[in-house]
Amino acid sequence: MYIRHNLGQTGEDIAEIYLVKKGYKIIERNFSCRQGEIDIIAKYKEEVVFIEVKTRTNKRYGEPIDAITYYKKKHILKSIKYYLYIRKLEDVFVRIDVIEVYQKKDGFLVNHIKGAISG
């Protein structure tokens, strides 16, 4: 469990660096509520972007995005709705992205899938 948690944390760090380089402003990381957790919340131009980060060392169990099951998606959407409600952000443009981070021998590979999850 600890190794997976550590890998996930590293993946989120890599994703944050990637996003900042692309011009995103990080608002919050690891927002947690009863409904679930949101890995990264960022602002890009006029959109609030909610990002789910999936990190893998190999594709043995499929692509990282495949780990976002129906139930995981449901929890993400509920968490986003709650976040928007408590921050009074009812009238903002929202996008939900997935960032896949692959750990390689010589570093990391990032695959940013914009609008990967719809509500």
N, C-alpha and C. Protein backbone atom coordinates (compact mmCIF):
# COMPACT_ATOMS: atom_id res chain seq x y z
N MET A 1 0.83 -1.20 0.00
CA MET A 1 0.00 0.00 0.00
C MET A 1 0.86 1.26 0.00
N TYR A 2 1.89 1.30 0.83
CA TYR A 2 2.72 2.49 0.93
C TYR A 2 3.42 2.79 -0.40
N ILE A 3 3.90 1.77 -1.08
CA ILE A 3 4.59 1.97 -2.35
C ILE A 3 3.61 2.55 -3.38
N ARG A 4 2.39 2.02 -3.44
CA ARG A 4 1.40 2.55 -4.37
C ARG A 4 1.04 3.99 -4.05
N HIS A 5 0.89 4.28 -2.74
CA HIS A 5 0.58 5.65 -2.32
C HIS A 5 1.72 6.59 -2.72
N ASN A 6 2.95 6.16 -2.50
CA ASN A 6 4.12 6.96 -2.84
C ASN A 6 4.18 7.20 -4.35
N LEU A 7 3.90 6.18 -5.15
CA LEU A 7 3.88 6.31 -6.60
C LEU A 7 2.78 7.28 -7.03
N GLY A 8 1.62 7.17 -6.43
CA GLY A 8 0.51 8.08 -6.74
C GLY A 8 0.85 9.52 -6.41
N GLN A 9 1.48 9.74 -5.26
CA GLN A 9 1.90 11.09 -4.85
C GLN A 9 2.92 11.64 -5.83
N THR A 10 3.87 10.80 -6.24
CA THR A 10 4.87 11.23 -7.22
C THR A 10 4.19 11.60 -8.54
N GLY A 11 3.23 10.79 -8.97
CA GLY A 11 2.49 11.07 -10.19
C GLY A 11 1.77 12.40 -10.13
N GLU A 12 1.17 12.70 -8.98
CA GLU A 12 0.48 13.99 -8.81
C GLU A 12 1.47 15.14 -8.85
N ASP A 13 2.66 14.95 -8.27
CA ASP A 13 3.69 15.99 -8.32
C ASP A 13 4.12 16.24 -9.77
N ILE A 14 4.33 15.16 -10.53
CA ILE A 14 4.72 15.27 -11.94
C ILE A 14 3.61 15.98 -12.73
N ALA A 15 2.36 15.61 -12.47
CA ALA A 15 1.22 16.23 -13.15
C ALA A 15 1.14 17.72 -12.84
N GLU A 16 1.38 18.09 -11.59
CA GLU A 16 1.34 19.50 -11.22
C GLU A 16 2.43 20.29 -11.96
N ILE A 17 3.63 19.76 -12.01
CA ILE A 17 4.73 20.43 -12.73
C ILE A 17 4.35 20.59 -14.20
N TYR A 18 3.82 19.54 -14.80
CA TYR A 18 3.38 19.57 -16.19
C TYR A 18 2.34 20.67 -16.41
N LEU A 19 1.33 20.72 -15.53
CA LEU A 19 0.25 21.70 -15.68
C LEU A 19 0.76 23.13 -15.55
N VAL A 20 1.60 23.37 -14.58
CA VAL A 20 2.15 24.72 -14.39
C VAL A 20 2.93 25.15 -15.63
N LYS A 21 3.72 24.24 -16.19
CA LYS A 21 4.47 24.56 -17.41
C LYS A 21 3.54 24.88 -18.58
N LYS A 22 2.33 24.30 -18.58
CA LYS A 22 1.36 24.54 -19.65
C LYS A 22 0.49 25.78 -19.39
N GLY A 23 0.73 26.47 -18.27
CA GLY A 23 0.00 27.70 -18.01
C GLY A 23 -1.19 27.57 -17.07
N TYR A 24 -1.35 26.43 -16.44
CA TYR A 24 -2.44 26.24 -15.48
C TYR A 24 -2.03 26.84 -14.13
N LYS A 25 -3.00 27.37 -13.42
CA LYS A 25 -2.77 27.87 -12.06
C LYS A 25 -3.39 26.84 -11.10
N ILE A 26 -2.57 26.25 -10.27
CA ILE A 26 -3.06 25.25 -9.33
C ILE A 26 -3.82 25.95 -8.21
N ILE A 27 -5.05 25.53 -8.01
CA ILE A 27 -5.90 26.10 -6.96
C ILE A 27 -5.79 25.26 -5.68
N GLU A 28 -5.84 23.95 -5.88
CA GLU A 28 -5.87 23.06 -4.72
C GLU A 28 -5.47 21.64 -5.14
N ARG A 29 -4.90 20.91 -4.19
CA ARG A 29 -4.56 19.51 -4.42
C ARG A 29 -5.21 18.66 -3.34
N ASN A 30 -5.60 17.48 -3.72
CA ASN A 30 -6.17 16.49 -2.80
C ASN A 30 -7.34 17.02 -1.99
N PHE A 31 -8.28 17.66 -2.69
CA PHE A 31 -9.51 18.09 -2.04
C PHE A 31 -10.30 16.85 -1.66
N SER A 32 -10.63 16.74 -0.40
CA SER A 32 -11.31 15.54 0.10
C SER A 32 -12.60 15.92 0.79
N CYS A 33 -13.64 15.12 0.55
CA CYS A 33 -14.92 15.30 1.21
C CYS A 33 -15.58 13.93 1.34
N ARG A 34 -16.76 13.90 1.91
CA ARG A 34 -17.46 12.62 2.07
C ARG A 34 -17.70 11.91 0.75
N GLN A 35 -17.89 12.70 -0.29
CA GLN A 35 -18.23 12.13 -1.59
C GLN A 35 -17.02 11.49 -2.29
N GLY A 36 -15.83 11.95 -1.96
CA GLY A 36 -14.63 11.41 -2.59
C GLY A 36 -13.48 12.39 -2.54
N GLU A 37 -12.57 12.27 -3.51
CA GLU A 37 -11.39 13.13 -3.54
C GLU A 37 -11.14 13.60 -4.97
N ILE A 38 -10.60 14.80 -5.07
CA ILE A 38 -10.18 15.35 -6.35
C ILE A 38 -8.68 15.58 -6.25
N ASP A 39 -7.92 15.00 -7.16
CA ASP A 39 -6.46 15.07 -7.07
C ASP A 39 -5.94 16.49 -7.24
N ILE A 40 -6.33 17.15 -8.33
CA ILE A 40 -5.84 18.51 -8.60
C ILE A 40 -7.00 19.35 -9.12
N ILE A 41 -7.09 20.57 -8.60
CA ILE A 41 -8.05 21.55 -9.11
C ILE A 41 -7.22 22.72 -9.60
N ALA A 42 -7.45 23.11 -10.85
CA ALA A 42 -6.64 24.16 -11.46
C ALA A 42 -7.53 25.12 -12.24
N LYS A 43 -6.96 26.26 -12.56
CA LYS A 43 -7.65 27.24 -13.41
C LYS A 43 -6.84 27.36 -14.69
N TYR A 44 -7.54 27.29 -15.81
CA TYR A 44 -6.90 27.47 -17.11
C TYR A 44 -7.79 28.37 -17.94
N LYS A 45 -7.29 29.54 -18.23
CA LYS A 45 -8.06 30.58 -18.92
C LYS A 45 -9.34 30.83 -18.14
N GLU A 46 -10.50 30.56 -18.71
CA GLU A 46 -11.77 30.83 -18.02
C GLU A 46 -12.39 29.58 -17.40
N GLU A 47 -11.66 28.47 -17.40
CA GLU A 47 -12.22 27.21 -16.91
C GLU A 47 -11.61 26.79 -15.57
N VAL A 48 -12.44 26.17 -14.76
CA VAL A 48 -11.95 25.47 -13.58
C VAL A 48 -11.82 24.02 -14.02
N VAL A 49 -10.62 23.48 -13.89
CA VAL A 49 -10.33 22.15 -14.39
C VAL A 49 -10.08 21.21 -13.21
N PHE A 50 -10.84 20.14 -13.18
CA PHE A 50 -10.69 19.11 -12.15
C PHE A 50 -9.92 17.96 -12.80
N ILE A 51 -8.84 17.55 -12.16
CA ILE A 51 -7.94 16.58 -12.78
C ILE A 51 -7.78 15.34 -11.89
N GLU A 52 -8.05 14.21 -12.50
CA GLU A 52 -7.80 12.91 -11.87
C GLU A 52 -6.47 12.40 -12.42
N VAL A 53 -5.56 12.07 -11.53
CA VAL A 53 -4.23 11.61 -11.94
C VAL A 53 -4.13 10.10 -11.68
N LYS A 54 -3.72 9.38 -12.71
CA LYS A 54 -3.51 7.93 -12.59
C LYS A 54 -2.07 7.64 -12.99
N THR A 55 -1.33 6.99 -12.11
CA THR A 55 0.08 6.71 -12.33
C THR A 55 0.30 5.21 -12.40
N ARG A 56 1.09 4.79 -13.37
CA ARG A 56 1.37 3.37 -13.55
C ARG A 56 2.85 3.16 -13.90
N THR A 57 3.32 1.97 -13.58
CA THR A 57 4.69 1.59 -13.97
C THR A 57 4.67 0.72 -15.22
N ASN A 58 3.50 0.16 -15.53
CA ASN A 58 3.37 -0.66 -16.75
C ASN A 58 1.88 -0.73 -17.13
N LYS A 59 1.61 -1.38 -18.25
CA LYS A 59 0.22 -1.48 -18.73
C LYS A 59 -0.36 -2.88 -18.50
N ARG A 60 0.18 -3.60 -17.55
CA ARG A 60 -0.26 -4.97 -17.28
C ARG A 60 -1.77 -5.05 -17.05
N TYR A 61 -2.33 -4.06 -16.39
CA TYR A 61 -3.76 -4.08 -16.10
C TYR A 61 -4.52 -3.07 -16.96
N GLY A 62 -3.96 -2.70 -18.09
CA GLY A 62 -4.61 -1.75 -18.98
C GLY A 62 -4.07 -0.35 -18.85
N GLU A 63 -4.69 0.55 -19.57
CA GLU A 63 -4.30 1.96 -19.52
C GLU A 63 -4.72 2.54 -18.17
N PRO A 64 -4.01 3.55 -17.70
CA PRO A 64 -4.39 4.16 -16.42
C PRO A 64 -5.83 4.66 -16.39
N ILE A 65 -6.29 5.23 -17.50
CA ILE A 65 -7.67 5.75 -17.53
C ILE A 65 -8.70 4.64 -17.31
N ASP A 66 -8.32 3.40 -17.63
CA ASP A 66 -9.24 2.27 -17.43
C ASP A 66 -9.56 2.03 -15.95
N ALA A 67 -8.74 2.58 -15.07
CA ALA A 67 -8.97 2.43 -13.62
C ALA A 67 -10.10 3.33 -13.13
N ILE A 68 -10.59 4.21 -13.99
CA ILE A 68 -11.70 5.08 -13.60
C ILE A 68 -13.00 4.36 -13.95
N THR A 69 -13.48 3.64 -12.99
CA THR A 69 -14.69 2.84 -13.16
C THR A 69 -15.94 3.74 -13.07
N TYR A 70 -17.06 3.15 -13.34
CA TYR A 70 -18.34 3.85 -13.22
C TYR A 70 -18.48 4.46 -11.82
N TYR A 71 -18.13 3.70 -10.79
CA TYR A 71 -18.28 4.16 -9.41
C TYR A 71 -17.28 5.27 -9.08
N LYS A 72 -16.07 5.14 -9.58
CA LYS A 72 -15.06 6.19 -9.37
C LYS A 72 -15.52 7.49 -10.04
N LYS A 73 -16.04 7.39 -11.25
CA LYS A 73 -16.55 8.55 -11.97
C LYS A 73 -17.68 9.22 -11.18
N LYS A 74 -18.57 8.39 -10.63
CA LYS A 74 -19.69 8.89 -9.84
C LYS A 74 -19.19 9.68 -8.62
N HIS A 75 -18.17 9.15 -7.95
CA HIS A 75 -17.59 9.83 -6.78
C HIS A 75 -16.90 11.14 -7.20
N ILE A 76 -16.21 11.12 -8.32
CA ILE A 76 -15.55 12.33 -8.82
C ILE A 76 -16.60 13.41 -9.09
N LEU A 77 -17.67 13.05 -9.80
CA LEU A 77 -18.71 14.03 -10.13
C LEU A 77 -19.38 14.59 -8.88
N LYS A 78 -19.66 13.74 -7.90
CA LYS A 78 -20.27 14.21 -6.65
C LYS A 78 -19.32 15.14 -5.90
N SER A 79 -18.04 14.81 -5.90
CA SER A 79 -17.04 15.65 -5.23
C SER A 79 -16.95 17.02 -5.89
N ILE A 80 -16.99 17.03 -7.22
CA ILE A 80 -16.93 18.29 -7.96
C ILE A 80 -18.15 19.14 -7.65
N LYS A 81 -19.33 18.53 -7.67
CA LYS A 81 -20.55 19.28 -7.36
C LYS A 81 -20.47 19.89 -5.95
N TYR A 82 -19.97 19.13 -5.01
CA TYR A 82 -19.83 19.62 -3.63
C TYR A 82 -18.82 20.77 -3.59
N TYR A 83 -17.69 20.60 -4.25
CA TYR A 83 -16.66 21.64 -4.28
C TYR A 83 -17.23 22.94 -4.85
N LEU A 84 -17.92 22.85 -5.97
CA LEU A 84 -18.51 24.03 -6.60
C LEU A 84 -19.52 24.69 -5.68
N TYR A 85 -20.30 23.89 -4.96
CA TYR A 85 -21.30 24.40 -4.04
C TYR A 85 -20.66 25.16 -2.87
N ILE A 86 -19.67 24.53 -2.22
CA ILE A 86 -19.10 25.18 -1.02
C ILE A 86 -18.23 26.39 -1.38
N ARG A 87 -17.72 26.42 -2.60
CA ARG A 87 -16.91 27.57 -3.04
C ARG A 87 -17.75 28.62 -3.78
N LYS A 88 -19.06 28.36 -3.85
CA LYS A 88 -20.01 29.26 -4.52
C LYS A 88 -19.57 29.56 -5.95
N LEU A 89 -19.28 28.51 -6.68
CA LEU A 89 -18.82 28.62 -8.07
C LEU A 89 -19.85 28.03 -9.03
N GLU A 90 -21.08 28.45 -8.90
CA GLU A 90 -22.15 27.88 -9.72
C GLU A 90 -22.05 28.28 -11.20
N ASP A 91 -21.53 29.46 -11.49
CA ASP A 91 -21.54 29.98 -12.86
C ASP A 91 -20.15 29.99 -13.49
N VAL A 92 -19.44 28.88 -13.39
CA VAL A 92 -18.11 28.80 -14.00
C VAL A 92 -18.09 27.68 -15.04
N PHE A 93 -17.20 27.81 -15.99
CA PHE A 93 -16.99 26.74 -16.96
C PHE A 93 -16.13 25.68 -16.29
N VAL A 94 -16.54 24.43 -16.43
CA VAL A 94 -15.86 23.32 -15.77
C VAL A 94 -15.44 22.29 -16.80
N ARG A 95 -14.26 21.74 -16.59
CA ARG A 95 -13.78 20.64 -17.44
C ARG A 95 -13.15 19.60 -16.52
N ILE A 96 -13.31 18.33 -16.89
CA ILE A 96 -12.73 17.25 -16.10
C ILE A 96 -11.73 16.51 -16.98
N ASP A 97 -10.48 16.55 -16.56
CA ASP A 97 -9.39 15.92 -17.31
C ASP A 97 -8.83 14.73 -16.55
N VAL A 98 -8.14 13.89 -17.28
CA VAL A 98 -7.37 12.80 -16.67
C VAL A 98 -5.94 12.97 -17.15
N ILE A 99 -5.02 12.86 -16.22
CA ILE A 99 -3.60 12.85 -16.58
C ILE A 99 -3.05 11.48 -16.22
N GLU A 100 -2.56 10.81 -17.24
CA GLU A 100 -1.91 9.51 -17.05
C GLU A 100 -0.40 9.77 -16.94
N VAL A 101 0.18 9.23 -15.88
CA VAL A 101 1.63 9.36 -15.69
C VAL A 101 2.21 7.96 -15.71
N TYR A 102 3.14 7.74 -16.62
CA TYR A 102 3.82 6.45 -16.74
C TYR A 102 5.24 6.60 -16.21
N GLN A 103 5.59 5.77 -15.25
CA GLN A 103 6.96 5.79 -14.75
C GLN A 103 7.80 4.90 -15.66
N LYS A 104 8.86 5.49 -16.21
CA LYS A 104 9.78 4.77 -17.09
C LYS A 104 11.13 4.67 -16.41
N LYS A 105 12.01 3.86 -16.95
CA LYS A 105 13.36 3.72 -16.37
C LYS A 105 14.09 5.05 -16.34
N ASP A 106 13.89 5.87 -17.38
CA ASP A 106 14.62 7.13 -17.49
C ASP A 106 13.78 8.35 -17.15
N GLY A 107 12.66 8.19 -16.47
CA GLY A 107 11.84 9.33 -16.08
C GLY A 107 10.35 9.03 -16.16
N PHE A 108 9.59 10.02 -16.55
CA PHE A 108 8.14 9.89 -16.59
C PHE A 108 7.60 10.37 -17.93
N LEU A 109 6.50 9.77 -18.34
CA LEU A 109 5.78 10.17 -19.54
C LEU A 109 4.39 10.62 -19.11
N VAL A 110 3.96 11.78 -19.60
CA VAL A 110 2.67 12.33 -19.21
C VAL A 110 1.74 12.34 -20.42
N ASN A 111 0.52 11.83 -20.21
CA ASN A 111 -0.52 11.87 -21.24
C ASN A 111 -1.72 12.62 -20.67
N HIS A 112 -1.99 13.81 -21.19
CA HIS A 112 -3.07 14.67 -20.69
C HIS A 112 -4.30 14.48 -21.58
N ILE A 113 -5.36 13.97 -21.00
CA ILE A 113 -6.60 13.73 -21.74
C ILE A 113 -7.62 14.78 -21.28
N LYS A 114 -7.83 15.79 -22.11
CA LYS A 114 -8.72 16.88 -21.77
C LYS A 114 -10.18 16.45 -22.00
N GLY A 115 -11.03 16.82 -21.04
CA GLY A 115 -12.45 16.50 -21.15
C GLY A 115 -12.73 15.00 -21.14
N ALA A 116 -11.92 14.27 -20.42
CA ALA A 116 -12.00 12.80 -20.40
C ALA A 116 -13.26 12.28 -19.71
N ILE A 117 -13.76 13.05 -18.77
CA ILE A 117 -14.94 12.63 -18.02
C ILE A 117 -16.02 13.69 -18.22
N SER A 118 -17.21 13.22 -18.54
CA SER A 118 -18.32 14.16 -18.68
C SER A 118 -19.39 13.83 -17.64
N GLY A 119 -20.14 14.84 -17.30
CA GLY A 119 -21.15 14.65 -16.27
C GLY A 119 -22.47 14.73 -16.85
